Protein backbone atom coordinates (compact mmCIF):
# COMPACT_ATOMS: atom_id res chain seq x y z
CA MET A 1 7.16 -16.27 -68.07
CA LYS A 2 9.83 -18.40 -69.69
CA LYS A 3 10.88 -20.66 -66.84
CA ALA A 4 13.98 -22.72 -66.16
CA LYS A 5 15.35 -24.65 -63.22
CA TYR A 6 19.05 -25.04 -62.43
CA ILE A 7 20.31 -28.05 -60.48
CA ARG A 8 23.86 -28.70 -59.32
CA VAL A 9 25.28 -31.67 -57.44
CA SER A 10 28.96 -32.23 -56.67
CA SER A 11 29.07 -35.88 -57.73
CA SER A 12 26.98 -38.36 -59.71
CA SER A 13 26.31 -40.31 -56.52
CA GLN A 14 24.30 -37.43 -55.06
CA ASN A 15 20.56 -37.60 -55.48
CA THR A 16 18.86 -34.82 -57.46
CA ILE A 17 15.29 -35.87 -56.58
CA ARG A 18 15.00 -33.30 -53.77
CA GLN A 19 16.02 -30.52 -56.15
CA TYR A 20 13.45 -31.69 -58.71
CA HIS A 21 10.69 -31.69 -56.07
CA LYS A 22 9.18 -28.30 -56.93
CA GLN A 23 9.71 -28.56 -60.67
CA THR A 24 6.75 -27.40 -62.78
CA PRO A 25 5.82 -28.93 -66.17
CA ASP A 26 6.75 -25.78 -68.12
CA GLU A 27 10.29 -25.50 -66.73
CA LEU A 28 13.42 -26.19 -68.75
CA VAL A 29 15.84 -28.10 -66.51
CA TYR A 30 19.63 -27.70 -66.54
CA VAL A 31 21.71 -30.11 -64.45
CA ASP A 32 25.41 -29.85 -63.66
CA VAL A 33 27.39 -32.54 -61.84
CA ILE A 34 30.32 -30.41 -60.74
CA SER A 35 31.96 -28.79 -57.73
CA GLY A 36 30.46 -25.54 -56.53
CA ALA A 37 33.99 -24.12 -56.64
CA VAL A 38 33.83 -24.02 -60.46
CA PRO A 39 32.58 -20.59 -61.59
CA PHE A 40 28.97 -20.66 -62.79
CA ASN A 41 29.80 -19.55 -66.33
CA GLU A 42 32.36 -22.36 -66.72
CA ARG A 43 29.92 -25.21 -66.04
CA PRO A 44 28.53 -27.11 -69.07
CA ALA A 45 24.82 -26.94 -68.23
CA ALA A 46 25.11 -23.41 -66.85
CA GLN A 47 26.71 -22.31 -70.12
CA GLU A 48 23.70 -23.70 -71.99
CA LEU A 49 21.42 -21.86 -69.57
CA ILE A 50 23.31 -18.62 -70.21
CA LYS A 51 22.88 -19.12 -73.96
CA ALA A 52 19.12 -19.52 -73.42
CA ILE A 53 19.04 -16.35 -71.32
CA GLU A 54 20.98 -14.43 -73.96
CA ALA A 55 18.54 -15.69 -76.60
CA GLY A 56 15.60 -14.47 -74.53
CA SER A 57 14.32 -18.01 -73.93
CA VAL A 58 14.49 -17.75 -70.12
CA ASP A 59 13.37 -14.91 -67.86
CA TYR A 60 12.52 -16.82 -64.67
CA LEU A 61 14.99 -19.16 -62.96
CA THR A 62 14.61 -21.33 -59.87
CA VAL A 63 17.25 -23.02 -57.73
CA GLU A 64 16.74 -25.12 -54.61
CA SER A 65 19.20 -23.07 -52.55
CA ILE A 66 21.82 -20.35 -52.98
CA ASP A 67 24.71 -22.81 -52.70
CA ARG A 68 23.53 -24.54 -55.90
CA ILE A 69 24.79 -21.45 -57.72
CA GLY A 70 28.18 -21.89 -56.11
CA ARG A 71 30.39 -22.11 -53.04
CA ASP A 72 32.29 -18.89 -53.64
CA ALA A 73 30.69 -15.69 -52.38
CA PHE A 74 32.02 -13.49 -55.19
CA ASN A 75 30.89 -15.90 -57.91
CA ILE A 76 27.41 -16.25 -56.40
CA GLN A 77 26.97 -12.49 -56.17
CA SER A 78 28.37 -11.96 -59.69
CA THR A 79 25.96 -14.55 -61.10
CA ILE A 80 22.99 -12.93 -59.39
CA GLN A 81 24.07 -9.52 -60.73
CA TYR A 82 24.28 -11.01 -64.23
CA LEU A 83 20.75 -12.42 -63.92
CA ASN A 84 19.48 -9.06 -62.69
CA SER A 85 21.12 -7.28 -65.63
CA LYS A 86 19.27 -9.60 -68.02
CA GLY A 87 15.96 -9.14 -66.26
CA VAL A 88 15.88 -12.78 -65.11
CA ASN A 89 13.93 -13.23 -61.90
CA LEU A 90 15.70 -15.74 -59.63
CA LYS A 91 13.65 -17.68 -57.09
CA VAL A 92 15.36 -19.61 -54.29
CA ASN A 93 12.92 -22.36 -53.35
CA ASN A 94 14.07 -23.08 -49.81
CA LEU A 95 13.69 -19.38 -48.97
CA GLY A 96 10.58 -18.67 -51.01
CA VAL A 97 11.97 -15.31 -52.18
CA GLU A 98 12.58 -13.78 -55.61
CA SER A 99 15.37 -11.46 -56.76
CA LEU A 100 13.10 -9.05 -58.63
CA VAL A 101 9.90 -7.33 -57.54
CA ASN A 102 7.98 -5.58 -60.29
CA GLY A 103 11.11 -5.72 -62.42
CA LYS A 104 13.30 -4.07 -59.78
CA VAL A 105 16.01 -5.60 -57.58
CA SER A 106 14.61 -6.71 -54.22
CA MET A 107 16.74 -5.25 -51.42
CA THR A 108 15.47 -7.97 -49.10
CA PHE A 109 16.63 -10.67 -51.51
CA LYS A 110 20.00 -8.96 -51.96
CA MET A 111 20.59 -8.78 -48.22
CA ILE A 112 19.63 -12.42 -47.67
CA SER A 113 21.57 -13.72 -50.69
CA ASP A 114 24.73 -11.81 -49.70
CA ILE A 115 24.63 -13.36 -46.23
CA LEU A 116 23.98 -16.86 -47.57
CA ALA A 117 26.70 -16.51 -50.21
CA ASN A 118 29.25 -15.81 -47.50
CA LEU A 119 27.89 -18.65 -45.35
CA SER A 120 28.18 -21.02 -48.33
CA GLN A 121 31.84 -20.10 -48.77
CA MET A 122 32.49 -20.48 -45.04
CA THR A 123 30.89 -23.93 -45.07
CA ARG A 124 33.15 -25.05 -47.91
CA GLU A 125 36.22 -23.72 -46.12
CA ASN A 126 35.21 -25.44 -42.88
CA ILE A 127 34.78 -28.76 -44.69
CA ARG A 128 38.26 -28.47 -46.17
CA GLU A 129 39.72 -27.57 -42.77
CA ALA A 130 38.00 -30.54 -41.12
CA GLN A 131 39.32 -32.79 -43.88
CA ALA A 132 42.86 -31.58 -43.29
CA GLN A 133 42.48 -32.14 -39.55
CA GLY A 134 41.27 -35.68 -40.21
CA VAL A 135 44.36 -36.42 -42.26
CA HIS A 136 46.59 -35.02 -39.52
CA LEU A 137 44.91 -37.15 -36.84
CA ALA A 138 45.24 -40.25 -39.01
CA VAL A 139 48.96 -39.63 -39.35
CA LEU A 140 49.35 -39.10 -35.60
CA ALA A 141 47.44 -42.31 -34.94
CA GLY A 142 49.98 -44.21 -37.02
CA LYS A 143 47.35 -45.70 -39.30
CA PHE A 144 49.37 -44.91 -42.39
CA LYS A 145 53.00 -45.65 -43.25
CA GLY A 146 55.41 -44.27 -45.80
CA ARG A 147 55.63 -40.71 -47.03
CA MET A 148 56.34 -38.74 -50.14
CA LYS A 149 59.79 -37.20 -50.18
CA GLY A 150 59.57 -33.65 -48.88
CA SER A 151 56.06 -34.18 -47.50
CA THR A 152 54.88 -34.69 -43.95
CA ILE A 153 51.79 -36.55 -45.13
CA PRO A 154 52.09 -40.13 -46.45
CA ASP A 155 51.32 -40.79 -50.10
CA ASP A 156 48.43 -43.15 -49.39
CA VAL A 157 46.81 -40.61 -47.07
CA ILE A 158 46.97 -37.95 -49.78
CA LEU A 159 45.53 -40.25 -52.45
CA SER A 160 42.79 -41.45 -50.10
CA THR A 161 41.89 -37.91 -49.07
CA TYR A 162 41.78 -36.54 -52.61
CA LYS A 163 40.06 -39.40 -54.45
CA ASN A 164 38.16 -36.93 -56.62
CA VAL A 165 41.44 -35.38 -57.77
CA VAL A 166 42.88 -38.82 -58.55
CA LYS A 167 39.77 -39.64 -60.59
CA GLU A 168 39.93 -36.41 -62.61
CA LEU A 169 43.65 -36.81 -63.29
CA LYS A 170 43.18 -40.37 -64.49
CA LEU A 171 40.33 -39.31 -66.78
CA GLY A 172 42.61 -36.72 -68.37
CA GLY A 173 41.54 -34.00 -70.77
CA ASN A 174 41.69 -31.11 -68.29
CA SER A 175 44.53 -28.84 -67.23
CA LEU A 176 45.77 -29.10 -63.64
CA ARG A 177 44.22 -25.72 -62.92
CA LYS A 178 40.87 -26.92 -64.26
CA VAL A 179 41.07 -30.09 -62.15
CA ALA A 180 41.72 -27.91 -59.10
CA ALA A 181 38.61 -25.85 -59.86
CA ILE A 182 36.42 -28.90 -60.49
CA CYS A 183 37.50 -30.58 -57.25
CA GLY A 184 37.55 -27.43 -55.14
CA VAL A 185 41.20 -27.76 -54.10
CA SER A 186 44.35 -25.72 -54.63
CA LEU A 187 46.57 -26.08 -57.69
CA ALA A 188 49.41 -27.14 -55.36
CA THR A 189 47.30 -30.05 -54.10
CA VAL A 190 46.60 -31.26 -57.64
CA GLN A 191 50.30 -30.98 -58.48
CA LYS A 192 51.20 -33.00 -55.39
CA VAL A 193 48.70 -35.75 -56.25
CA LYS A 194 49.97 -35.84 -59.83
CA ARG A 195 53.56 -36.25 -58.63
CA ILE A 196 52.52 -39.21 -56.51
CA LEU A 197 50.64 -40.83 -59.41
CA ASP A 198 53.55 -40.23 -61.79
CA ASN A 199 56.16 -41.48 -59.33
CA PRO A 200 54.52 -44.07 -57.06
CA THR A 201 56.57 -45.08 -54.02
CA GLU A 202 58.02 -48.54 -54.47
CA LYS A 203 56.63 -51.10 -52.08
CA LYS A 204 59.15 -52.98 -50.00
């Protein structure tokens, strides 16, 4: 077998040691520091992995968990289908199951991965909802003052909530749509943050 391991963390501050835990000496390792909202085939390390698969250099891939592939159910399922089409056996370490059995798609793996893919997406959506609720409660508590014209949420609350978006915009080099994908937020959110950065509210 030609083995590889794929690791994804959302930010450089997250520790990858746990995902390295079951690494074997003969594995090639690909690491992406990127939001799970970014499609698998648009991530730098994943693109290199895909090149290796296309070249026939990888036929066995391990990930720590399904959500390392992504946080979008459709993208996760599409990626698994791609791996199956290339004859790449995917092992999910925290489940101890493989996608192929004797070269054929495992129905057990498909059932489990479909469920977990949807759970991964639900988890991401719940996190975003909780974040929005936190902002709303902060506004109600009167902890923040001032607001962007036409917005019910103060500028400083928005910038504090979407620090990752602020960071990506300040780094530059990516389109607003790409920033939205990297940070796992809507294009409208990125546009709103950009407007605030471009036209900061004058302090009295």
